[in-house]
Amino acid sequence: VLNLLLWAQGFSGRRIADVWRRHRPL
């Protein structure tokens, strides 16, 4: 669902991936 929300918001694939590249542990 986390990635679904980003897709539904209109994010590109790269932008969805970048969200997780920057995600902070915990």
mmCIF file of all heavy atoms, coordinates in Angstrom:
data_MODEL
# 
_entry.id   MODEL 
# 
loop_
_atom_site.group_PDB 
_atom_site.id 
_atom_site.type_symbol 
_atom_site.label_atom_id 
_atom_site.label_alt_id 
_atom_site.label_comp_id 
_atom_site.label_asym_id 
_atom_site.label_entity_id 
_atom_site.label_seq_id 
_atom_site.pdbx_PDB_ins_code 
_atom_site.Cartn_x 
_atom_site.Cartn_y 
_atom_site.Cartn_z 
_atom_site.occupancy 
_atom_site.B_iso_or_equiv 
_atom_site.pdbx_formal_charge 
_atom_site.auth_seq_id 
_atom_site.auth_comp_id 
_atom_site.auth_asym_id 
_atom_site.auth_atom_id 
_atom_site.pdbx_PDB_model_num 
ATOM 1   N N   . VAL A 1 1  ? 0.835  -1.202 0.000   1.00 0.00 ? 1  VAL A N   1 
ATOM 2   C CA  . VAL A 1 1  ? 0.000  0.000  0.000   1.00 0.00 ? 1  VAL A CA  1 
ATOM 3   C C   . VAL A 1 1  ? 0.872  1.256  0.000   1.00 0.00 ? 1  VAL A C   1 
ATOM 4   O O   . VAL A 1 1  ? 0.483  2.284  -0.566  1.00 0.00 ? 1  VAL A O   1 
ATOM 5   C CB  . VAL A 1 1  ? -0.959 -0.013 1.204   1.00 0.00 ? 1  VAL A CB  1 
ATOM 6   C CG1 . VAL A 1 1  ? -1.701 1.311  1.344   1.00 0.00 ? 1  VAL A CG1 1 
ATOM 7   C CG2 . VAL A 1 1  ? -1.953 -1.162 1.074   1.00 0.00 ? 1  VAL A CG2 1 
ATOM 8   N N   . LEU A 1 2  ? 2.049  1.195  0.625   1.00 0.00 ? 2  LEU A N   1 
ATOM 9   C CA  . LEU A 1 2  ? 2.931  2.360  0.656   1.00 0.00 ? 2  LEU A CA  1 
ATOM 10  C C   . LEU A 1 2  ? 3.313  2.785  -0.757  1.00 0.00 ? 2  LEU A C   1 
ATOM 11  O O   . LEU A 1 2  ? 3.260  3.976  -1.109  1.00 0.00 ? 2  LEU A O   1 
ATOM 12  C CB  . LEU A 1 2  ? 4.180  2.041  1.483   1.00 0.00 ? 2  LEU A CB  1 
ATOM 13  C CG  . LEU A 1 2  ? 3.938  1.747  2.965   1.00 0.00 ? 2  LEU A CG  1 
ATOM 14  C CD1 . LEU A 1 2  ? 5.216  1.246  3.626   1.00 0.00 ? 2  LEU A CD1 1 
ATOM 15  C CD2 . LEU A 1 2  ? 3.413  2.995  3.672   1.00 0.00 ? 2  LEU A CD2 1 
ATOM 16  N N   . ASN A 1 3  ? 3.705  1.834  -1.590  1.00 0.00 ? 3  ASN A N   1 
ATOM 17  C CA  . ASN A 1 3  ? 4.050  2.165  -2.975  1.00 0.00 ? 3  ASN A CA  1 
ATOM 18  C C   . ASN A 1 3  ? 2.808  2.491  -3.796  1.00 0.00 ? 3  ASN A C   1 
ATOM 19  O O   . ASN A 1 3  ? 2.871  3.309  -4.722  1.00 0.00 ? 3  ASN A O   1 
ATOM 20  C CB  . ASN A 1 3  ? 4.822  1.015  -3.611  1.00 0.00 ? 3  ASN A CB  1 
ATOM 21  C CG  . ASN A 1 3  ? 6.242  0.924  -3.079  1.00 0.00 ? 3  ASN A CG  1 
ATOM 22  O OD1 . ASN A 1 3  ? 6.867  1.936  -2.768  1.00 0.00 ? 3  ASN A OD1 1 
ATOM 23  N ND2 . ASN A 1 3  ? 6.752  -0.300 -2.955  1.00 0.00 ? 3  ASN A ND2 1 
ATOM 24  N N   . LEU A 1 4  ? 1.680  1.864  -3.466  1.00 0.00 ? 4  LEU A N   1 
ATOM 25  C CA  . LEU A 1 4  ? 0.436  2.188  -4.165  1.00 0.00 ? 4  LEU A CA  1 
ATOM 26  C C   . LEU A 1 4  ? 0.081  3.658  -3.984  1.00 0.00 ? 4  LEU A C   1 
ATOM 27  O O   . LEU A 1 4  ? -0.333 4.340  -4.932  1.00 0.00 ? 4  LEU A O   1 
ATOM 28  C CB  . LEU A 1 4  ? -0.699 1.311  -3.644  1.00 0.00 ? 4  LEU A CB  1 
ATOM 29  C CG  . LEU A 1 4  ? -2.064 1.631  -4.257  1.00 0.00 ? 4  LEU A CG  1 
ATOM 30  C CD1 . LEU A 1 4  ? -2.204 0.961  -5.612  1.00 0.00 ? 4  LEU A CD1 1 
ATOM 31  C CD2 . LEU A 1 4  ? -3.201 1.219  -3.328  1.00 0.00 ? 4  LEU A CD2 1 
ATOM 32  N N   . LEU A 1 5  ? 0.246  4.181  -2.763  1.00 0.00 ? 5  LEU A N   1 
ATOM 33  C CA  . LEU A 1 5  ? -0.081 5.583  -2.508  1.00 0.00 ? 5  LEU A CA  1 
ATOM 34  C C   . LEU A 1 5  ? 0.779  6.511  -3.352  1.00 0.00 ? 5  LEU A C   1 
ATOM 35  O O   . LEU A 1 5  ? 0.296  7.513  -3.886  1.00 0.00 ? 5  LEU A O   1 
ATOM 36  C CB  . LEU A 1 5  ? 0.108  5.891  -1.021  1.00 0.00 ? 5  LEU A CB  1 
ATOM 37  C CG  . LEU A 1 5  ? -0.853 5.197  -0.061  1.00 0.00 ? 5  LEU A CG  1 
ATOM 38  C CD1 . LEU A 1 5  ? -0.472 5.487  1.385   1.00 0.00 ? 5  LEU A CD1 1 
ATOM 39  C CD2 . LEU A 1 5  ? -2.306 5.621  -0.317  1.00 0.00 ? 5  LEU A CD2 1 
ATOM 40  N N   . LEU A 1 6  ? 2.059  6.183  -3.492  1.00 0.00 ? 6  LEU A N   1 
ATOM 41  C CA  . LEU A 1 6  ? 2.953  7.011  -4.307  1.00 0.00 ? 6  LEU A CA  1 
ATOM 42  C C   . LEU A 1 6  ? 2.554  6.934  -5.779  1.00 0.00 ? 6  LEU A C   1 
ATOM 43  O O   . LEU A 1 6  ? 2.559  7.947  -6.489  1.00 0.00 ? 6  LEU A O   1 
ATOM 44  C CB  . LEU A 1 6  ? 4.396  6.549  -4.111  1.00 0.00 ? 6  LEU A CB  1 
ATOM 45  C CG  . LEU A 1 6  ? 4.936  6.660  -2.671  1.00 0.00 ? 6  LEU A CG  1 
ATOM 46  C CD1 . LEU A 1 6  ? 6.285  5.972  -2.561  1.00 0.00 ? 6  LEU A CD1 1 
ATOM 47  C CD2 . LEU A 1 6  ? 5.039  8.106  -2.240  1.00 0.00 ? 6  LEU A CD2 1 
ATOM 48  N N   . TRP A 1 7  ? 2.216  5.732  -6.246  1.00 0.00 ? 7  TRP A N   1 
ATOM 49  C CA  . TRP A 1 7  ? 1.773  5.565  -7.636  1.00 0.00 ? 7  TRP A CA  1 
ATOM 50  C C   . TRP A 1 7  ? 0.477  6.329  -7.880  1.00 0.00 ? 7  TRP A C   1 
ATOM 51  O O   . TRP A 1 7  ? 0.323  7.018  -8.891  1.00 0.00 ? 7  TRP A O   1 
ATOM 52  C CB  . TRP A 1 7  ? 1.589  4.075  -7.927  1.00 0.00 ? 7  TRP A CB  1 
ATOM 53  C CG  . TRP A 1 7  ? 1.131  3.768  -9.319  1.00 0.00 ? 7  TRP A CG  1 
ATOM 54  C CD1 . TRP A 1 7  ? 1.904  3.625  -10.440 1.00 0.00 ? 7  TRP A CD1 1 
ATOM 55  C CD2 . TRP A 1 7  ? -0.230 3.571  -9.751  1.00 0.00 ? 7  TRP A CD2 1 
ATOM 56  N NE1 . TRP A 1 7  ? 1.116  3.345  -11.534 1.00 0.00 ? 7  TRP A NE1 1 
ATOM 57  C CE2 . TRP A 1 7  ? -0.195 3.306  -11.137 1.00 0.00 ? 7  TRP A CE2 1 
ATOM 58  C CE3 . TRP A 1 7  ? -1.454 3.581  -9.098  1.00 0.00 ? 7  TRP A CE3 1 
ATOM 59  C CZ2 . TRP A 1 7  ? -1.345 3.067  -11.881 1.00 0.00 ? 7  TRP A CZ2 1 
ATOM 60  C CZ3 . TRP A 1 7  ? -2.610 3.346  -9.833  1.00 0.00 ? 7  TRP A CZ3 1 
ATOM 61  C CH2 . TRP A 1 7  ? -2.544 3.086  -11.209 1.00 0.00 ? 7  TRP A CH2 1 
ATOM 62  N N   . ALA A 1 8  ? -0.466 6.217  -6.956  1.00 0.00 ? 8  ALA A N   1 
ATOM 63  C CA  . ALA A 1 8  ? -1.755 6.891  -7.114  1.00 0.00 ? 8  ALA A CA  1 
ATOM 64  C C   . ALA A 1 8  ? -1.598 8.404  -7.101  1.00 0.00 ? 8  ALA A C   1 
ATOM 65  O O   . ALA A 1 8  ? -2.376 9.127  -7.736  1.00 0.00 ? 8  ALA A O   1 
ATOM 66  C CB  . ALA A 1 8  ? -2.712 6.453  -6.002  1.00 0.00 ? 8  ALA A CB  1 
ATOM 67  N N   . GLN A 1 9  ? -0.594 8.899  -6.385  1.00 0.00 ? 9  GLN A N   1 
ATOM 68  C CA  . GLN A 1 9  ? -0.353 10.344 -6.327  1.00 0.00 ? 9  GLN A CA  1 
ATOM 69  C C   . GLN A 1 9  ? 0.220  10.869 -7.635  1.00 0.00 ? 9  GLN A C   1 
ATOM 70  O O   . GLN A 1 9  ? 0.279  12.071 -7.859  1.00 0.00 ? 9  GLN A O   1 
ATOM 71  C CB  . GLN A 1 9  ? 0.610  10.664 -5.180  1.00 0.00 ? 9  GLN A CB  1 
ATOM 72  C CG  . GLN A 1 9  ? 0.712  12.128 -4.811  1.00 0.00 ? 9  GLN A CG  1 
ATOM 73  C CD  . GLN A 1 9  ? -0.484 12.618 -4.021  1.00 0.00 ? 9  GLN A CD  1 
ATOM 74  O OE1 . GLN A 1 9  ? -0.852 12.047 -3.011  1.00 0.00 ? 9  GLN A OE1 1 
ATOM 75  N NE2 . GLN A 1 9  ? -1.099 13.691 -4.481  1.00 0.00 ? 9  GLN A NE2 1 
ATOM 76  N N   . GLY A 1 10 ? 0.628  9.960  -8.512  1.00 0.00 ? 10 GLY A N   1 
ATOM 77  C CA  . GLY A 1 10 ? 1.153  10.376 -9.807  1.00 0.00 ? 10 GLY A CA  1 
ATOM 78  C C   . GLY A 1 10 ? 2.659  10.379 -9.892  1.00 0.00 ? 10 GLY A C   1 
ATOM 79  O O   . GLY A 1 10 ? 3.230  10.905 -10.849 1.00 0.00 ? 10 GLY A O   1 
ATOM 80  N N   . PHE A 1 11 ? 3.356  9.787  -8.913  1.00 0.00 ? 11 PHE A N   1 
ATOM 81  C CA  . PHE A 1 11 ? 4.812  9.767  -8.922  1.00 0.00 ? 11 PHE A CA  1 
ATOM 82  C C   . PHE A 1 11 ? 5.319  8.895  -10.076 1.00 0.00 ? 11 PHE A C   1 
ATOM 83  O O   . PHE A 1 11 ? 4.729  7.873  -10.404 1.00 0.00 ? 11 PHE A O   1 
ATOM 84  C CB  . PHE A 1 11 ? 5.348  9.199  -7.616  1.00 0.00 ? 11 PHE A CB  1 
ATOM 85  C CG  . PHE A 1 11 ? 5.290  10.149 -6.447  1.00 0.00 ? 11 PHE A CG  1 
ATOM 86  C CD1 . PHE A 1 11 ? 4.426  11.236 -6.452  1.00 0.00 ? 11 PHE A CD1 1 
ATOM 87  C CD2 . PHE A 1 11 ? 6.091  9.945  -5.335  1.00 0.00 ? 11 PHE A CD2 1 
ATOM 88  C CE1 . PHE A 1 11 ? 4.368  12.104 -5.372  1.00 0.00 ? 11 PHE A CE1 1 
ATOM 89  C CE2 . PHE A 1 11 ? 6.046  10.808 -4.254  1.00 0.00 ? 11 PHE A CE2 1 
ATOM 90  C CZ  . PHE A 1 11 ? 5.183  11.893 -4.264  1.00 0.00 ? 11 PHE A CZ  1 
ATOM 91  N N   . SER A 1 12 ? 6.430  9.292  -10.657 1.00 0.00 ? 12 SER A N   1 
ATOM 92  C CA  . SER A 1 12 ? 7.118  8.441  -11.629 1.00 0.00 ? 12 SER A CA  1 
ATOM 93  C C   . SER A 1 12 ? 7.769  7.272  -10.894 1.00 0.00 ? 12 SER A C   1 
ATOM 94  O O   . SER A 1 12 ? 7.900  7.279  -9.663  1.00 0.00 ? 12 SER A O   1 
ATOM 95  C CB  . SER A 1 12 ? 8.188  9.241  -12.366 1.00 0.00 ? 12 SER A CB  1 
ATOM 96  O OG  . SER A 1 12 ? 9.224  9.610  -11.465 1.00 0.00 ? 12 SER A OG  1 
ATOM 97  N N   . GLY A 1 13 ? 8.206  6.268  -11.664 1.00 0.00 ? 13 GLY A N   1 
ATOM 98  C CA  . GLY A 1 13 ? 8.894  5.146  -11.047 1.00 0.00 ? 13 GLY A CA  1 
ATOM 99  C C   . GLY A 1 13 ? 10.167 5.579  -10.349 1.00 0.00 ? 13 GLY A C   1 
ATOM 100 O O   . GLY A 1 13 ? 10.483 5.104  -9.248  1.00 0.00 ? 13 GLY A O   1 
ATOM 101 N N   . ARG A 1 14 ? 10.896 6.477  -10.979 1.00 0.00 ? 14 ARG A N   1 
ATOM 102 C CA  . ARG A 1 14 ? 12.142 6.958  -10.372 1.00 0.00 ? 14 ARG A CA  1 
ATOM 103 C C   . ARG A 1 14 ? 11.859 7.678  -9.061  1.00 0.00 ? 14 ARG A C   1 
ATOM 104 O O   . ARG A 1 14 ? 12.580 7.504  -8.072  1.00 0.00 ? 14 ARG A O   1 
ATOM 105 C CB  . ARG A 1 14 ? 12.860 7.905  -11.342 1.00 0.00 ? 14 ARG A CB  1 
ATOM 106 C CG  . ARG A 1 14 ? 14.099 8.587  -10.751 1.00 0.00 ? 14 ARG A CG  1 
ATOM 107 C CD  . ARG A 1 14 ? 15.242 7.615  -10.557 1.00 0.00 ? 14 ARG A CD  1 
ATOM 108 N NE  . ARG A 1 14 ? 16.326 8.190  -9.771  1.00 0.00 ? 14 ARG A NE  1 
ATOM 109 C CZ  . ARG A 1 14 ? 17.611 7.909  -9.951  1.00 0.00 ? 14 ARG A CZ  1 
ATOM 110 N NH1 . ARG A 1 14 ? 17.969 7.071  -10.896 1.00 0.00 ? 14 ARG A NH1 1 
ATOM 111 N NH2 . ARG A 1 14 ? 18.531 8.442  -9.202  1.00 0.00 ? 14 ARG A NH2 1 
ATOM 112 N N   . ARG A 1 15 ? 10.813 8.489  -9.045  1.00 0.00 ? 15 ARG A N   1 
ATOM 113 C CA  . ARG A 1 15 ? 10.518 9.233  -7.824  1.00 0.00 ? 15 ARG A CA  1 
ATOM 114 C C   . ARG A 1 15 ? 10.077 8.297  -6.708  1.00 0.00 ? 15 ARG A C   1 
ATOM 115 O O   . ARG A 1 15 ? 10.414 8.509  -5.536  1.00 0.00 ? 15 ARG A O   1 
ATOM 116 C CB  . ARG A 1 15 ? 9.438  10.277 -8.113  1.00 0.00 ? 15 ARG A CB  1 
ATOM 117 C CG  . ARG A 1 15 ? 9.246  11.265 -6.978  1.00 0.00 ? 15 ARG A CG  1 
ATOM 118 C CD  . ARG A 1 15 ? 8.283  12.366 -7.352  1.00 0.00 ? 15 ARG A CD  1 
ATOM 119 N NE  . ARG A 1 15 ? 8.046  13.246 -6.214  1.00 0.00 ? 15 ARG A NE  1 
ATOM 120 C CZ  . ARG A 1 15 ? 7.110  14.177 -6.178  1.00 0.00 ? 15 ARG A CZ  1 
ATOM 121 N NH1 . ARG A 1 15 ? 6.337  14.380 -7.238  1.00 0.00 ? 15 ARG A NH1 1 
ATOM 122 N NH2 . ARG A 1 15 ? 6.942  14.940 -5.102  1.00 0.00 ? 15 ARG A NH2 1 
ATOM 123 N N   . ILE A 1 16 ? 9.320  7.253  -7.038  1.00 0.00 ? 16 ILE A N   1 
ATOM 124 C CA  . ILE A 1 16 ? 8.948  6.265  -6.024  1.00 0.00 ? 16 ILE A CA  1 
ATOM 125 C C   . ILE A 1 16 ? 10.201 5.599  -5.458  1.00 0.00 ? 16 ILE A C   1 
ATOM 126 O O   . ILE A 1 16 ? 10.348 5.433  -4.244  1.00 0.00 ? 16 ILE A O   1 
ATOM 127 C CB  . ILE A 1 16 ? 7.998  5.208  -6.623  1.00 0.00 ? 16 ILE A CB  1 
ATOM 128 C CG1 . ILE A 1 16 ? 6.663  5.853  -7.024  1.00 0.00 ? 16 ILE A CG1 1 
ATOM 129 C CG2 . ILE A 1 16 ? 7.761  4.061  -5.642  1.00 0.00 ? 16 ILE A CG2 1 
ATOM 130 C CD1 . ILE A 1 16 ? 5.745  4.944  -7.817  1.00 0.00 ? 16 ILE A CD1 1 
ATOM 131 N N   . ALA A 1 17 ? 11.121 5.220  -6.345  1.00 0.00 ? 17 ALA A N   1 
ATOM 132 C CA  . ALA A 1 17 ? 12.360 4.581  -5.898  1.00 0.00 ? 17 ALA A CA  1 
ATOM 133 C C   . ALA A 1 17 ? 13.187 5.533  -5.045  1.00 0.00 ? 17 ALA A C   1 
ATOM 134 O O   . ALA A 1 17 ? 13.782 5.126  -4.034  1.00 0.00 ? 17 ALA A O   1 
ATOM 135 C CB  . ALA A 1 17 ? 13.160 4.102  -7.106  1.00 0.00 ? 17 ALA A CB  1 
ATOM 136 N N   . ASP A 1 18 ? 13.225 6.807  -5.426  1.00 0.00 ? 18 ASP A N   1 
ATOM 137 C CA  . ASP A 1 18 ? 14.016 7.782  -4.666  1.00 0.00 ? 18 ASP A CA  1 
ATOM 138 C C   . ASP A 1 18 ? 13.483 7.978  -3.257  1.00 0.00 ? 18 ASP A C   1 
ATOM 139 O O   . ASP A 1 18 ? 14.247 8.231  -2.315  1.00 0.00 ? 18 ASP A O   1 
ATOM 140 C CB  . ASP A 1 18 ? 14.051 9.120  -5.400  1.00 0.00 ? 18 ASP A CB  1 
ATOM 141 C CG  . ASP A 1 18 ? 15.039 9.147  -6.548  1.00 0.00 ? 18 ASP A CG  1 
ATOM 142 O OD1 . ASP A 1 18 ? 15.857 8.207  -6.638  1.00 0.00 ? 18 ASP A OD1 1 
ATOM 143 O OD2 . ASP A 1 18 ? 15.005 10.100 -7.356  1.00 0.00 ? 18 ASP A OD2 1 
ATOM 144 N N   . VAL A 1 19 ? 12.157 7.872  -3.103  1.00 0.00 ? 19 VAL A N   1 
ATOM 145 C CA  . VAL A 1 19 ? 11.576 7.965  -1.760  1.00 0.00 ? 19 VAL A CA  1 
ATOM 146 C C   . VAL A 1 19 ? 12.207 6.925  -0.844  1.00 0.00 ? 19 VAL A C   1 
ATOM 147 O O   . VAL A 1 19 ? 12.572 7.214  0.299   1.00 0.00 ? 19 VAL A O   1 
ATOM 148 C CB  . VAL A 1 19 ? 10.042 7.767  -1.831  1.00 0.00 ? 19 VAL A CB  1 
ATOM 149 C CG1 . VAL A 1 19 ? 9.477  7.420  -0.459  1.00 0.00 ? 19 VAL A CG1 1 
ATOM 150 C CG2 . VAL A 1 19 ? 9.371  9.019  -2.371  1.00 0.00 ? 19 VAL A CG2 1 
ATOM 151 N N   . TRP A 1 20 ? 12.375 5.710  -1.352  1.00 0.00 ? 20 TRP A N   1 
ATOM 152 C CA  . TRP A 1 20 ? 12.933 4.638  -0.529  1.00 0.00 ? 20 TRP A CA  1 
ATOM 153 C C   . TRP A 1 20 ? 14.452 4.736  -0.433  1.00 0.00 ? 20 TRP A C   1 
ATOM 154 O O   . TRP A 1 20 ? 15.035 4.306  0.571   1.00 0.00 ? 20 TRP A O   1 
ATOM 155 C CB  . TRP A 1 20 ? 12.509 3.283  -1.092  1.00 0.00 ? 20 TRP A CB  1 
ATOM 156 C CG  . TRP A 1 20 ? 11.079 2.987  -0.806  1.00 0.00 ? 20 TRP A CG  1 
ATOM 157 C CD1 . TRP A 1 20 ? 10.010 3.168  -1.629  1.00 0.00 ? 20 TRP A CD1 1 
ATOM 158 C CD2 . TRP A 1 20 ? 10.546 2.484  0.430   1.00 0.00 ? 20 TRP A CD2 1 
ATOM 159 N NE1 . TRP A 1 20 ? 8.843  2.807  -0.991  1.00 0.00 ? 20 TRP A NE1 1 
ATOM 160 C CE2 . TRP A 1 20 ? 9.150  2.372  0.266   1.00 0.00 ? 20 TRP A CE2 1 
ATOM 161 C CE3 . TRP A 1 20 ? 11.113 2.104  1.640   1.00 0.00 ? 20 TRP A CE3 1 
ATOM 162 C CZ2 . TRP A 1 20 ? 8.322  1.915  1.286   1.00 0.00 ? 20 TRP A CZ2 1 
ATOM 163 C CZ3 . TRP A 1 20 ? 10.296 1.633  2.654   1.00 0.00 ? 20 TRP A CZ3 1 
ATOM 164 C CH2 . TRP A 1 20 ? 8.913  1.533  2.462   1.00 0.00 ? 20 TRP A CH2 1 
ATOM 165 N N   . ARG A 1 21 ? 15.094 5.279  -1.442  1.00 0.00 ? 21 ARG A N   1 
ATOM 166 C CA  . ARG A 1 21 ? 16.546 5.486  -1.343  1.00 0.00 ? 21 ARG A CA  1 
ATOM 167 C C   . ARG A 1 21 ? 16.884 6.420  -0.181  1.00 0.00 ? 21 ARG A C   1 
ATOM 168 O O   . ARG A 1 21 ? 17.935 6.305  0.434   1.00 0.00 ? 21 ARG A O   1 
ATOM 169 C CB  . ARG A 1 21 ? 17.089 6.069  -2.648  1.00 0.00 ? 21 ARG A CB  1 
ATOM 170 C CG  . ARG A 1 21 ? 17.136 5.090  -3.815  1.00 0.00 ? 21 ARG A CG  1 
ATOM 171 C CD  . ARG A 1 21 ? 17.800 5.711  -5.037  1.00 0.00 ? 21 ARG A CD  1 
ATOM 172 N NE  . ARG A 1 21 ? 17.942 4.741  -6.117  1.00 0.00 ? 21 ARG A NE  1 
ATOM 173 C CZ  . ARG A 1 21 ? 17.130 4.656  -7.167  1.00 0.00 ? 21 ARG A CZ  1 
ATOM 174 N NH1 . ARG A 1 21 ? 16.109 5.507  -7.284  1.00 0.00 ? 21 ARG A NH1 1 
ATOM 175 N NH2 . ARG A 1 21 ? 17.318 3.735  -8.089  1.00 0.00 ? 21 ARG A NH2 1 
ATOM 176 N N   . ARG A 1 22 ? 15.971 7.351  0.102   1.00 0.00 ? 22 ARG A N   1 
ATOM 177 C CA  . ARG A 1 22 ? 16.215 8.339  1.164   1.00 0.00 ? 22 ARG A CA  1 
ATOM 178 C C   . ARG A 1 22 ? 15.603 7.928  2.495   1.00 0.00 ? 22 ARG A C   1 
ATOM 179 O O   . ARG A 1 22 ? 15.738 8.657  3.485   1.00 0.00 ? 22 ARG A O   1 
ATOM 180 C CB  . ARG A 1 22 ? 15.627 9.688  0.745   1.00 0.00 ? 22 ARG A CB  1 
ATOM 181 C CG  . ARG A 1 22 ? 16.188 10.231 -0.555  1.00 0.00 ? 22 ARG A CG  1 
ATOM 182 C CD  . ARG A 1 22 ? 15.312 11.365 -1.060  1.00 0.00 ? 22 ARG A CD  1 
ATOM 183 N NE  . ARG A 1 22 ? 15.655 11.735 -2.428  1.00 0.00 ? 22 ARG A NE  1 
ATOM 184 C CZ  . ARG A 1 22 ? 14.823 12.314 -3.277  1.00 0.00 ? 22 ARG A CZ  1 
ATOM 185 N NH1 . ARG A 1 22 ? 13.584 12.572 -2.922  1.00 0.00 ? 22 ARG A NH1 1 
ATOM 186 N NH2 . ARG A 1 22 ? 15.220 12.624 -4.495  1.00 0.00 ? 22 ARG A NH2 1 
ATOM 187 N N   . HIS A 1 23 ? 14.885 6.808  2.518   1.00 0.00 ? 23 HIS A N   1 
ATOM 188 C CA  . HIS A 1 23 ? 14.175 6.426  3.734   1.00 0.00 ? 23 HIS A CA  1 
ATOM 189 C C   . HIS A 1 23 ? 15.156 6.167  4.864   1.00 0.00 ? 23 HIS A C   1 
ATOM 190 O O   . HIS A 1 23 ? 16.211 5.546  4.681   1.00 0.00 ? 23 HIS A O   1 
ATOM 191 C CB  . HIS A 1 23 ? 13.343 5.166  3.476   1.00 0.00 ? 23 HIS A CB  1 
ATOM 192 C CG  . HIS A 1 23 ? 12.504 4.766  4.645   1.00 0.00 ? 23 HIS A CG  1 
ATOM 193 N ND1 . HIS A 1 23 ? 11.510 5.565  5.145   1.00 0.00 ? 23 HIS A ND1 1 
ATOM 194 C CD2 . HIS A 1 23 ? 12.519 3.655  5.422   1.00 0.00 ? 23 HIS A CD2 1 
ATOM 195 C CE1 . HIS A 1 23 ? 10.945 4.958  6.174   1.00 0.00 ? 23 HIS A CE1 1 
ATOM 196 N NE2 . HIS A 1 23 ? 11.540 3.802  6.359   1.00 0.00 ? 23 HIS A NE2 1 
ATOM 197 N N   . ARG A 1 24 ? 14.817 6.646  6.033   1.00 0.00 ? 24 ARG A N   1 
ATOM 198 C CA  . ARG A 1 24 ? 15.694 6.524  7.197   1.00 0.00 ? 24 ARG A CA  1 
ATOM 199 C C   . ARG A 1 24 ? 15.289 5.321  8.042   1.00 0.00 ? 24 ARG A C   1 
ATOM 200 O O   . ARG A 1 24 ? 14.104 5.130  8.328   1.00 0.00 ? 24 ARG A O   1 
ATOM 201 C CB  . ARG A 1 24 ? 15.634 7.805  8.033   1.00 0.00 ? 24 ARG A CB  1 
ATOM 202 C CG  . ARG A 1 24 ? 16.130 9.023  7.263   1.00 0.00 ? 24 ARG A CG  1 
ATOM 203 C CD  . ARG A 1 24 ? 15.813 10.301 7.980   1.00 0.00 ? 24 ARG A CD  1 
ATOM 204 N NE  . ARG A 1 24 ? 16.207 11.462 7.198   1.00 0.00 ? 24 ARG A NE  1 
ATOM 205 C CZ  . ARG A 1 24 ? 15.870 12.710 7.497   1.00 0.00 ? 24 ARG A CZ  1 
ATOM 206 N NH1 . ARG A 1 24 ? 15.129 12.956 8.559   1.00 0.00 ? 24 ARG A NH1 1 
ATOM 207 N NH2 . ARG A 1 24 ? 16.266 13.705 6.732   1.00 0.00 ? 24 ARG A NH2 1 
ATOM 208 N N   . PRO A 1 25 ? 16.244 4.529  8.466   1.00 0.00 ? 25 PRO A N   1 
ATOM 209 C CA  . PRO A 1 25 ? 15.924 3.361  9.289   1.00 0.00 ? 25 PRO A CA  1 
ATOM 210 C C   . PRO A 1 25 ? 15.115 3.739  10.531  1.00 0.00 ? 25 PRO A C   1 
ATOM 211 O O   . PRO A 1 25 ? 15.358 4.766  11.157  1.00 0.00 ? 25 PRO A O   1 
ATOM 212 C CB  . PRO A 1 25 ? 17.311 2.818  9.677   1.00 0.00 ? 25 PRO A CB  1 
ATOM 213 C CG  . PRO A 1 25 ? 18.209 3.298  8.592   1.00 0.00 ? 25 PRO A CG  1 
ATOM 214 C CD  . PRO A 1 25 ? 17.684 4.638  8.187   1.00 0.00 ? 25 PRO A CD  1 
ATOM 215 N N   . LEU A 1 26 ? 14.155 2.940  10.829  1.00 0.00 ? 26 LEU A N   1 
ATOM 216 C CA  . LEU A 1 26 ? 13.294 3.089  12.003  1.00 0.00 ? 26 LEU A CA  1 
ATOM 217 C C   . LEU A 1 26 ? 12.390 4.305  11.955  1.00 0.00 ? 26 LEU A C   1 
ATOM 218 O O   . LEU A 1 26 ? 11.682 4.592  12.923  1.00 0.00 ? 26 LEU A O   1 
ATOM 219 C CB  . LEU A 1 26 ? 14.134 3.126  13.297  1.00 0.00 ? 26 LEU A CB  1 
ATOM 220 C CG  . LEU A 1 26 ? 15.022 1.905  13.562  1.00 0.00 ? 26 LEU A CG  1 
ATOM 221 C CD1 . LEU A 1 26 ? 15.760 2.073  14.869  1.00 0.00 ? 26 LEU A CD1 1 
ATOM 222 C CD2 . LEU A 1 26 ? 14.210 0.626  13.571  1.00 0.00 ? 26 LEU A CD2 1 
# 
